N, C-alpha and C. Protein backbone atom coordinates (compact mmCIF):
# COMPACT_ATOMS: atom_id res chain seq x y z
N UNK A 1 0.86 -1.17 0.00
CA UNK A 1 0.00 0.00 0.00
C UNK A 1 0.90 1.24 0.00
N UNK A 2 0.61 2.16 -0.86
CA UNK A 2 1.49 3.30 -1.03
C UNK A 2 1.16 4.41 -0.04
N UNK A 3 2.16 5.24 0.19
CA UNK A 3 1.99 6.38 1.07
C UNK A 3 0.95 7.35 0.49
N UNK A 4 0.94 7.49 -0.82
CA UNK A 4 -0.02 8.42 -1.44
C UNK A 4 -1.45 7.92 -1.26
N UNK A 5 -1.67 6.61 -1.31
CA UNK A 5 -3.01 6.06 -1.06
C UNK A 5 -3.42 6.34 0.39
N UNK A 6 -2.49 6.12 1.31
CA UNK A 6 -2.78 6.43 2.71
C UNK A 6 -3.11 7.90 2.89
N UNK A 7 -2.33 8.78 2.25
CA UNK A 7 -2.60 10.21 2.35
C UNK A 7 -4.01 10.54 1.88
N UNK A 8 -4.45 9.91 0.80
CA UNK A 8 -5.81 10.14 0.29
C UNK A 8 -6.85 9.68 1.32
N UNK A 9 -6.65 8.50 1.87
CA UNK A 9 -7.59 7.97 2.87
C UNK A 9 -7.59 8.86 4.10
N UNK A 10 -6.42 9.25 4.54
CA UNK A 10 -6.31 10.09 5.74
C UNK A 10 -7.02 11.43 5.53
N UNK A 11 -6.76 12.07 4.41
CA UNK A 11 -7.40 13.36 4.14
C UNK A 11 -8.91 13.22 4.02
N UNK A 12 -9.37 12.14 3.42
CA UNK A 12 -10.81 11.92 3.29
C UNK A 12 -11.48 11.68 4.64
N UNK A 13 -10.76 11.08 5.57
CA UNK A 13 -11.33 10.73 6.88
C UNK A 13 -10.90 11.67 7.99
N UNK A 14 -10.12 12.68 7.67
CA UNK A 14 -9.56 13.57 8.69
C UNK A 14 -10.62 14.18 9.60
N UNK A 15 -11.67 14.74 9.04
CA UNK A 15 -12.70 15.40 9.84
C UNK A 15 -13.40 14.39 10.75
N UNK A 16 -13.73 13.24 10.21
CA UNK A 16 -14.39 12.20 11.01
C UNK A 16 -13.47 11.71 12.13
N UNK A 17 -12.21 11.50 11.79
CA UNK A 17 -11.23 11.08 12.80
C UNK A 17 -11.11 12.12 13.90
N UNK A 18 -11.02 13.39 13.51
CA UNK A 18 -10.87 14.46 14.49
C UNK A 18 -12.09 14.52 15.41
N UNK A 19 -13.27 14.42 14.85
CA UNK A 19 -14.50 14.44 15.67
C UNK A 19 -14.52 13.26 16.64
N UNK A 20 -14.13 12.10 16.17
CA UNK A 20 -14.09 10.91 17.02
C UNK A 20 -13.13 11.13 18.19
N UNK A 21 -11.95 11.64 17.87
CA UNK A 21 -10.95 11.89 18.92
C UNK A 21 -11.43 12.96 19.89
N UNK A 22 -12.05 14.02 19.38
CA UNK A 22 -12.56 15.08 20.26
C UNK A 22 -13.60 14.53 21.23
N UNK A 23 -14.47 13.66 20.73
CA UNK A 23 -15.48 13.06 21.62
C UNK A 23 -14.82 12.21 22.70
N UNK A 24 -13.76 11.53 22.32
CA UNK A 24 -13.10 10.64 23.28
C UNK A 24 -12.33 11.41 24.35
N UNK A 25 -11.57 12.43 23.94
CA UNK A 25 -10.70 13.13 24.89
C UNK A 25 -11.27 14.45 25.39
N UNK A 26 -12.35 14.89 24.76
CA UNK A 26 -13.05 16.11 25.18
C UNK A 26 -12.15 17.35 25.17
N UNK A 27 -11.27 17.42 24.16
CA UNK A 27 -10.37 18.56 24.05
C UNK A 27 -9.89 18.66 22.60
N UNK A 28 -10.18 19.78 21.95
CA UNK A 28 -9.85 19.93 20.53
C UNK A 28 -8.34 19.88 20.28
N UNK A 29 -7.59 20.58 21.10
CA UNK A 29 -6.14 20.65 20.91
C UNK A 29 -5.50 19.26 21.08
N UNK A 30 -5.93 18.54 22.10
CA UNK A 30 -5.41 17.19 22.31
C UNK A 30 -5.81 16.28 21.15
N UNK A 31 -7.04 16.44 20.67
CA UNK A 31 -7.50 15.63 19.53
C UNK A 31 -6.64 15.90 18.30
N UNK A 32 -6.28 17.16 18.08
CA UNK A 32 -5.41 17.51 16.94
C UNK A 32 -4.05 16.82 17.10
N UNK A 33 -3.51 16.85 18.31
CA UNK A 33 -2.21 16.20 18.56
C UNK A 33 -2.31 14.70 18.31
N UNK A 34 -3.40 14.09 18.77
CA UNK A 34 -3.58 12.65 18.58
C UNK A 34 -3.78 12.32 17.10
N UNK A 35 -4.43 13.19 16.38
CA UNK A 35 -4.61 12.99 14.94
C UNK A 35 -3.25 13.00 14.23
N UNK A 36 -2.42 13.94 14.61
CA UNK A 36 -1.08 14.01 14.02
C UNK A 36 -0.27 12.76 14.38
N UNK A 37 -0.37 12.33 15.62
CA UNK A 37 0.34 11.12 16.04
C UNK A 37 -0.20 9.89 15.29
N UNK A 38 -1.50 9.87 15.03
CA UNK A 38 -2.09 8.78 14.25
C UNK A 38 -1.44 8.72 12.87
N UNK A 39 -1.33 9.87 12.23
CA UNK A 39 -0.71 9.93 10.90
C UNK A 39 0.71 9.37 10.95
N UNK A 40 1.47 9.80 11.94
CA UNK A 40 2.86 9.36 12.04
C UNK A 40 2.95 7.86 12.30
N UNK A 41 2.12 7.36 13.20
CA UNK A 41 2.16 5.93 13.54
C UNK A 41 1.76 5.06 12.35
N UNK A 42 0.71 5.47 11.63
CA UNK A 42 0.28 4.68 10.49
C UNK A 42 1.34 4.73 9.39
N UNK A 43 1.94 5.90 9.17
CA UNK A 43 3.01 6.01 8.19
C UNK A 43 4.16 5.07 8.54
N UNK A 44 4.53 5.04 9.81
CA UNK A 44 5.60 4.14 10.27
C UNK A 44 5.19 2.68 10.06
N UNK A 45 3.96 2.35 10.41
CA UNK A 45 3.49 0.97 10.25
C UNK A 45 3.51 0.54 8.78
N UNK A 46 3.09 1.44 7.92
CA UNK A 46 3.07 1.12 6.48
C UNK A 46 4.47 0.90 5.92
N UNK A 47 5.44 1.55 6.51
CA UNK A 47 6.82 1.36 6.04
C UNK A 47 7.39 0.02 6.50
N UNK A 48 6.73 -0.56 7.53
CA UNK A 48 7.23 -1.82 8.09
C UNK A 48 6.47 -3.05 7.62
N UNK A 49 5.20 -2.85 7.24
CA UNK A 49 4.39 -4.01 6.85
C UNK A 49 3.24 -3.57 5.95
N UNK A 50 2.57 -4.55 5.39
CA UNK A 50 1.41 -4.29 4.54
C UNK A 50 0.16 -4.30 5.40
N UNK A 51 -0.71 -3.33 5.17
CA UNK A 51 -1.98 -3.26 5.90
C UNK A 51 -3.09 -3.49 4.89
N UNK A 52 -3.85 -4.57 5.09
CA UNK A 52 -4.90 -4.92 4.14
C UNK A 52 -6.07 -3.94 4.16
N UNK A 53 -6.57 -3.66 5.33
CA UNK A 53 -7.76 -2.81 5.50
C UNK A 53 -7.32 -1.50 6.14
N UNK A 54 -6.96 -0.56 5.31
CA UNK A 54 -6.32 0.66 5.78
C UNK A 54 -7.24 1.53 6.64
N UNK A 55 -8.45 1.78 6.18
CA UNK A 55 -9.33 2.69 6.93
C UNK A 55 -9.60 2.21 8.36
N UNK A 56 -10.00 0.94 8.57
CA UNK A 56 -10.19 0.49 9.95
C UNK A 56 -8.90 0.55 10.77
N UNK A 57 -7.78 0.29 10.10
CA UNK A 57 -6.49 0.36 10.79
C UNK A 57 -6.20 1.78 11.29
N UNK A 58 -6.50 2.76 10.46
CA UNK A 58 -6.29 4.16 10.84
C UNK A 58 -7.18 4.51 12.04
N UNK A 59 -8.45 4.14 11.96
CA UNK A 59 -9.37 4.45 13.06
C UNK A 59 -8.98 3.73 14.35
N UNK A 60 -8.55 2.49 14.24
CA UNK A 60 -8.13 1.74 15.43
C UNK A 60 -6.87 2.35 16.03
N UNK A 61 -5.97 2.79 15.19
CA UNK A 61 -4.75 3.44 15.68
C UNK A 61 -5.12 4.72 16.44
N UNK A 62 -6.00 5.52 15.87
CA UNK A 62 -6.44 6.76 16.53
C UNK A 62 -7.12 6.44 17.85
N UNK A 63 -7.99 5.45 17.84
CA UNK A 63 -8.70 5.07 19.06
C UNK A 63 -7.72 4.61 20.15
N UNK A 64 -6.76 3.79 19.77
CA UNK A 64 -5.77 3.31 20.74
C UNK A 64 -4.95 4.46 21.33
N UNK A 65 -4.59 5.41 20.48
CA UNK A 65 -3.83 6.56 20.97
C UNK A 65 -4.68 7.38 21.95
N UNK A 66 -5.96 7.56 21.65
CA UNK A 66 -6.84 8.30 22.55
C UNK A 66 -6.99 7.56 23.88
N UNK A 67 -7.15 6.25 23.81
CA UNK A 67 -7.28 5.47 25.05
C UNK A 67 -5.99 5.53 25.87
N UNK A 68 -4.84 5.46 25.20
CA UNK A 68 -3.56 5.60 25.90
C UNK A 68 -3.47 6.96 26.58
N UNK A 69 -3.90 8.00 25.87
CA UNK A 69 -3.88 9.35 26.44
C UNK A 69 -4.77 9.43 27.67
N UNK A 70 -5.98 8.89 27.58
CA UNK A 70 -6.91 8.94 28.72
C UNK A 70 -6.36 8.13 29.89
N UNK A 71 -5.76 6.99 29.60
CA UNK A 71 -5.17 6.16 30.65
C UNK A 71 -4.02 6.92 31.33
N UNK A 72 -3.21 7.57 30.53
CA UNK A 72 -2.10 8.35 31.06
C UNK A 72 -2.59 9.47 31.97
N UNK A 73 -3.63 10.16 31.54
CA UNK A 73 -4.19 11.25 32.36
C UNK A 73 -4.74 10.70 33.68
N UNK A 74 -5.39 9.55 33.61
CA UNK A 74 -5.95 8.95 34.83
C UNK A 74 -4.82 8.55 35.78
N UNK A 75 -3.77 7.97 35.23
CA UNK A 75 -2.62 7.57 36.06
C UNK A 75 -1.97 8.79 36.66
N UNK A 76 -1.80 9.82 35.86
CA UNK A 76 -1.17 11.05 36.34
C UNK A 76 -2.00 11.69 37.46
N UNK A 77 -3.31 11.66 37.34
CA UNK A 77 -4.15 12.31 38.34
C UNK A 77 -4.12 11.60 39.68
N UNK A 78 -3.83 10.31 39.66
CA UNK A 78 -3.81 9.60 40.94
C UNK A 78 -2.40 9.23 41.40
N UNK A 79 -1.39 9.64 40.66
CA UNK A 79 -0.01 9.28 40.96
C UNK A 79 0.39 9.67 42.37
N UNK A 80 0.14 10.89 42.75
CA UNK A 80 0.58 11.37 44.06
C UNK A 80 -0.03 10.53 45.16
N UNK A 81 -1.32 10.29 45.08
CA UNK A 81 -1.97 9.56 46.14
C UNK A 81 -1.53 8.11 46.22
N UNK A 82 -1.18 7.50 45.11
CA UNK A 82 -0.77 6.11 45.13
C UNK A 82 0.71 5.93 45.45
N UNK A 83 1.54 6.85 45.02
CA UNK A 83 2.98 6.66 45.15
C UNK A 83 3.58 7.22 46.42
N UNK A 84 2.88 8.15 47.05
CA UNK A 84 3.45 8.81 48.22
C UNK A 84 2.54 8.56 49.42
N UNK A 85 3.11 8.13 50.54
CA UNK A 85 2.29 7.91 51.73
C UNK A 85 1.60 9.20 52.19
N UNK A 86 0.43 9.04 52.80
CA UNK A 86 -0.36 10.18 53.22
C UNK A 86 0.40 11.09 54.18
N UNK A 87 1.23 10.53 55.05
CA UNK A 87 1.96 11.39 55.99
C UNK A 87 2.94 12.31 55.28
N UNK A 88 3.47 11.87 54.14
CA UNK A 88 4.35 12.72 53.36
C UNK A 88 3.54 13.83 52.70
N UNK A 89 2.39 13.47 52.13
CA UNK A 89 1.53 14.47 51.50
C UNK A 89 1.09 15.51 52.51
N UNK A 90 0.71 15.06 53.69
CA UNK A 90 0.26 15.99 54.73
C UNK A 90 1.40 16.87 55.23
N UNK A 91 2.63 16.40 55.06
CA UNK A 91 3.79 17.16 55.52
C UNK A 91 4.25 18.23 54.55
N UNK A 92 3.65 18.30 53.37
CA UNK A 92 4.04 19.32 52.39
C UNK A 92 3.49 20.66 52.86
N UNK A 93 4.35 21.66 52.97
CA UNK A 93 3.90 22.95 53.48
C UNK A 93 2.91 23.62 52.53
N UNK A 94 1.96 24.31 53.14
CA UNK A 94 1.01 25.08 52.33
C UNK A 94 1.63 26.44 52.01
N UNK A 95 0.91 27.21 51.21
CA UNK A 95 1.42 28.52 50.83
C UNK A 95 1.49 29.47 52.03
N UNK A 96 0.84 29.12 53.11
CA UNK A 96 0.89 29.97 54.32
C UNK A 96 1.70 29.27 55.41
N UNK A 97 2.78 28.63 55.00
CA UNK A 97 3.60 27.89 55.95
C UNK A 97 4.47 28.84 56.77
N UNK A 98 4.92 28.29 57.88
CA UNK A 98 5.82 29.05 58.75
C UNK A 98 7.21 29.07 58.13
N UNK A 99 8.08 29.96 58.59
CA UNK A 99 9.45 29.96 58.06
C UNK A 99 10.16 28.62 58.25
N UNK A 100 9.90 27.96 59.37
CA UNK A 100 10.51 26.66 59.62
C UNK A 100 10.01 25.62 58.61
N UNK A 101 8.72 25.63 58.32
CA UNK A 101 8.16 24.70 57.34
C UNK A 101 8.71 25.00 55.94
N UNK A 102 8.84 26.26 55.61
CA UNK A 102 9.38 26.65 54.32
C UNK A 102 10.83 26.19 54.18
N UNK A 103 11.60 26.32 55.27
CA UNK A 103 13.00 25.87 55.27
C UNK A 103 13.06 24.36 55.08
N UNK A 104 12.18 23.65 55.76
CA UNK A 104 12.14 22.20 55.64
C UNK A 104 11.78 21.79 54.20
N UNK A 105 10.85 22.51 53.60
CA UNK A 105 10.46 22.21 52.21
C UNK A 105 11.64 22.47 51.27
N UNK A 106 12.36 23.55 51.50
CA UNK A 106 13.52 23.87 50.66
C UNK A 106 14.58 22.78 50.79
N UNK A 107 14.79 22.30 52.02
CA UNK A 107 15.75 21.21 52.25
C UNK A 107 15.32 19.95 51.49
N UNK A 108 14.02 19.66 51.58
CA UNK A 108 13.50 18.47 50.91
C UNK A 108 13.74 18.57 49.40
N UNK A 109 13.42 19.70 48.81
CA UNK A 109 13.64 19.87 47.37
C UNK A 109 15.10 19.75 47.00
N UNK A 110 15.96 20.33 47.81
CA UNK A 110 17.40 20.26 47.54
C UNK A 110 17.89 18.82 47.60
N UNK A 111 17.49 18.10 48.64
CA UNK A 111 17.94 16.71 48.79
C UNK A 111 17.34 15.80 47.72
N UNK A 112 16.08 16.06 47.36
CA UNK A 112 15.47 15.29 46.28
C UNK A 112 16.22 15.53 44.97
N UNK A 113 16.58 16.76 44.73
CA UNK A 113 17.31 17.11 43.51
C UNK A 113 18.65 16.38 43.47
N UNK A 114 19.35 16.35 44.59
CA UNK A 114 20.63 15.66 44.66
C UNK A 114 20.44 14.16 44.43
N UNK A 115 19.43 13.58 45.10
CA UNK A 115 19.18 12.14 44.95
C UNK A 115 18.80 11.78 43.52
N UNK A 116 17.93 12.59 42.91
CA UNK A 116 17.48 12.30 41.56
C UNK A 116 18.60 12.50 40.54
N UNK A 117 19.53 13.41 40.82
CA UNK A 117 20.64 13.63 39.89
C UNK A 117 21.61 12.45 39.89
N UNK A 118 21.56 11.62 40.92
CA UNK A 118 22.45 10.47 41.02
C UNK A 118 21.88 9.23 40.32
N UNK A 119 20.65 9.34 39.83
CA UNK A 119 20.05 8.23 39.10
C UNK A 119 20.74 8.08 37.75
N UNK A 120 20.60 6.90 37.17
CA UNK A 120 21.14 6.69 35.82
C UNK A 120 20.36 7.57 34.84
N UNK A 121 20.91 7.76 33.68
CA UNK A 121 20.24 8.58 32.66
C UNK A 121 18.87 7.99 32.31
N UNK A 122 18.80 6.66 32.20
CA UNK A 122 17.52 6.02 31.89
C UNK A 122 16.52 6.23 33.00
N UNK A 123 16.96 6.10 34.26
CA UNK A 123 16.05 6.31 35.39
C UNK A 123 15.55 7.75 35.43
N UNK A 124 16.43 8.70 35.18
CA UNK A 124 16.01 10.10 35.14
C UNK A 124 14.98 10.32 34.04
N UNK A 125 15.21 9.73 32.88
CA UNK A 125 14.28 9.89 31.75
C UNK A 125 12.92 9.26 32.10
N UNK A 126 12.93 8.10 32.72
CA UNK A 126 11.68 7.45 33.13
C UNK A 126 10.93 8.34 34.11
N UNK A 127 11.64 8.89 35.08
CA UNK A 127 11.02 9.76 36.07
C UNK A 127 10.40 11.00 35.42
N UNK A 128 11.15 11.62 34.54
CA UNK A 128 10.67 12.84 33.86
C UNK A 128 9.46 12.53 32.99
N UNK A 129 9.53 11.45 32.21
CA UNK A 129 8.40 11.10 31.35
C UNK A 129 7.16 10.77 32.15
N UNK A 130 7.34 10.09 33.26
CA UNK A 130 6.20 9.69 34.07
C UNK A 130 5.63 10.84 34.88
N UNK A 131 6.47 11.49 35.66
CA UNK A 131 5.96 12.46 36.63
C UNK A 131 5.80 13.87 36.08
N UNK A 132 6.60 14.25 35.10
CA UNK A 132 6.50 15.60 34.57
C UNK A 132 5.68 15.67 33.28
N UNK A 133 5.79 14.62 32.44
CA UNK A 133 5.08 14.64 31.17
C UNK A 133 3.80 13.80 31.19
N UNK A 134 3.61 13.03 32.25
CA UNK A 134 2.37 12.26 32.39
C UNK A 134 2.24 11.09 31.42
N UNK A 135 3.35 10.58 30.94
CA UNK A 135 3.30 9.46 30.01
C UNK A 135 2.90 8.18 30.75
N UNK A 136 2.20 7.32 30.05
CA UNK A 136 1.84 6.03 30.62
C UNK A 136 3.09 5.15 30.69
N UNK A 137 3.01 4.11 31.49
CA UNK A 137 4.14 3.20 31.59
C UNK A 137 4.45 2.59 30.22
N UNK A 138 3.40 2.25 29.47
CA UNK A 138 3.61 1.65 28.15
C UNK A 138 4.26 2.64 27.19
N UNK A 139 3.84 3.90 27.24
CA UNK A 139 4.45 4.92 26.38
C UNK A 139 5.94 5.07 26.70
N UNK A 140 6.27 5.03 27.98
CA UNK A 140 7.67 5.14 28.40
C UNK A 140 8.45 3.93 27.91
N UNK A 141 7.88 2.75 28.09
CA UNK A 141 8.55 1.52 27.65
C UNK A 141 8.80 1.57 26.14
N UNK A 142 7.81 2.02 25.40
CA UNK A 142 7.96 2.10 23.94
C UNK A 142 9.04 3.12 23.56
N UNK A 143 9.01 4.27 24.21
CA UNK A 143 9.97 5.33 23.86
C UNK A 143 11.40 4.93 24.19
N UNK A 144 11.59 4.25 25.32
CA UNK A 144 12.94 3.89 25.75
C UNK A 144 13.37 2.49 25.30
N UNK A 145 12.44 1.80 24.61
CA UNK A 145 12.72 0.46 24.12
C UNK A 145 13.11 -0.49 25.26
N UNK A 146 12.32 -0.45 26.33
CA UNK A 146 12.49 -1.36 27.46
C UNK A 146 11.14 -2.02 27.74
N UNK A 147 11.13 -3.00 28.62
CA UNK A 147 9.88 -3.67 28.93
C UNK A 147 9.04 -2.84 29.89
N UNK A 148 7.75 -3.12 29.89
CA UNK A 148 6.83 -2.47 30.82
C UNK A 148 7.24 -2.75 32.26
N UNK A 149 7.68 -3.97 32.50
CA UNK A 149 8.13 -4.37 33.83
C UNK A 149 9.33 -3.54 34.29
N UNK A 150 10.23 -3.25 33.37
CA UNK A 150 11.41 -2.43 33.70
C UNK A 150 10.97 -1.04 34.13
N UNK A 151 10.04 -0.46 33.41
CA UNK A 151 9.54 0.87 33.76
C UNK A 151 8.91 0.84 35.15
N UNK A 152 8.09 -0.15 35.41
CA UNK A 152 7.43 -0.25 36.72
C UNK A 152 8.44 -0.42 37.85
N UNK A 153 9.42 -1.28 37.65
CA UNK A 153 10.44 -1.51 38.68
C UNK A 153 11.28 -0.26 38.93
N UNK A 154 11.67 0.41 37.84
CA UNK A 154 12.48 1.62 37.99
C UNK A 154 11.70 2.71 38.73
N UNK A 155 10.43 2.90 38.37
CA UNK A 155 9.63 3.92 39.05
C UNK A 155 9.42 3.59 40.52
N UNK A 156 9.24 2.31 40.81
CA UNK A 156 9.09 1.91 42.21
C UNK A 156 10.36 2.24 43.00
N UNK A 157 11.51 1.97 42.40
CA UNK A 157 12.79 2.29 43.04
C UNK A 157 12.94 3.80 43.23
N UNK A 158 12.62 4.56 42.18
CA UNK A 158 12.76 6.02 42.24
C UNK A 158 11.85 6.59 43.32
N UNK A 159 10.61 6.11 43.38
CA UNK A 159 9.67 6.62 44.39
C UNK A 159 10.14 6.22 45.80
N UNK A 160 10.74 5.05 45.93
CA UNK A 160 11.28 4.64 47.24
C UNK A 160 12.41 5.58 47.66
N UNK A 161 13.23 5.99 46.71
CA UNK A 161 14.30 6.95 47.00
C UNK A 161 13.70 8.27 47.47
N UNK A 162 12.68 8.74 46.76
CA UNK A 162 12.03 10.02 47.12
C UNK A 162 11.40 9.93 48.52
N UNK A 163 10.74 8.84 48.79
CA UNK A 163 10.11 8.67 50.10
C UNK A 163 11.17 8.58 51.19
N UNK A 164 12.28 7.90 50.90
CA UNK A 164 13.38 7.82 51.86
C UNK A 164 13.96 9.20 52.18
N UNK A 165 14.11 10.01 51.17
CA UNK A 165 14.61 11.39 51.37
C UNK A 165 13.63 12.15 52.27
N UNK A 166 12.34 12.04 51.97
CA UNK A 166 11.33 12.75 52.76
C UNK A 166 11.31 12.24 54.19
N UNK A 167 11.45 10.94 54.37
CA UNK A 167 11.48 10.37 55.72
C UNK A 167 12.66 10.90 56.53
N UNK A 168 13.83 10.96 55.90
CA UNK A 168 15.02 11.45 56.61
C UNK A 168 14.86 12.91 57.02
N UNK A 169 14.23 13.70 56.17
CA UNK A 169 14.01 15.13 56.48
C UNK A 169 13.01 15.29 57.62
N UNK A 170 11.99 14.42 57.62
CA UNK A 170 10.89 14.56 58.59
C UNK A 170 11.20 13.93 59.95
N UNK A 171 12.32 13.21 60.05
CA UNK A 171 12.67 12.62 61.36
C UNK A 171 13.08 13.72 62.32
N UNK A 172 12.61 13.59 63.57
CA UNK A 172 12.99 14.62 64.59
C UNK A 172 14.44 14.55 64.98
């Protein structure tokens, strides 16, 4: 199947694909991004193999990307509550904290920064993709060409390091 045939199919279905993605993610800008990613993924797939039924393949690719995005958002929204013990969350100073609490928070950030800088390059990348960019574990595994299990284990280790730093700061 040629790239030009795919381009024709994609252009003919672009509006329908965009509407489908918008309904799924409830955000026009995100839907546009997912549409672009769909184009790139299908182009890559076509360069690697033959696709018999192109139109359903395009729609399934778009749907999978939207579901991955929604899963990533859901994981990101509950990350703090699942990865960090409640006593650590409760110990985070509010915007009206005392000078002592503010100093303790600054110490925590400094020590976390030092601890995270000592991670391997791959561990740092996993942490950044997960916690700052909100990528799903599968997206991280795909991007770094590692297994899903590796991503999970590395994040568990990284979060244990962060919790250990917070515990040491909070000890009397």
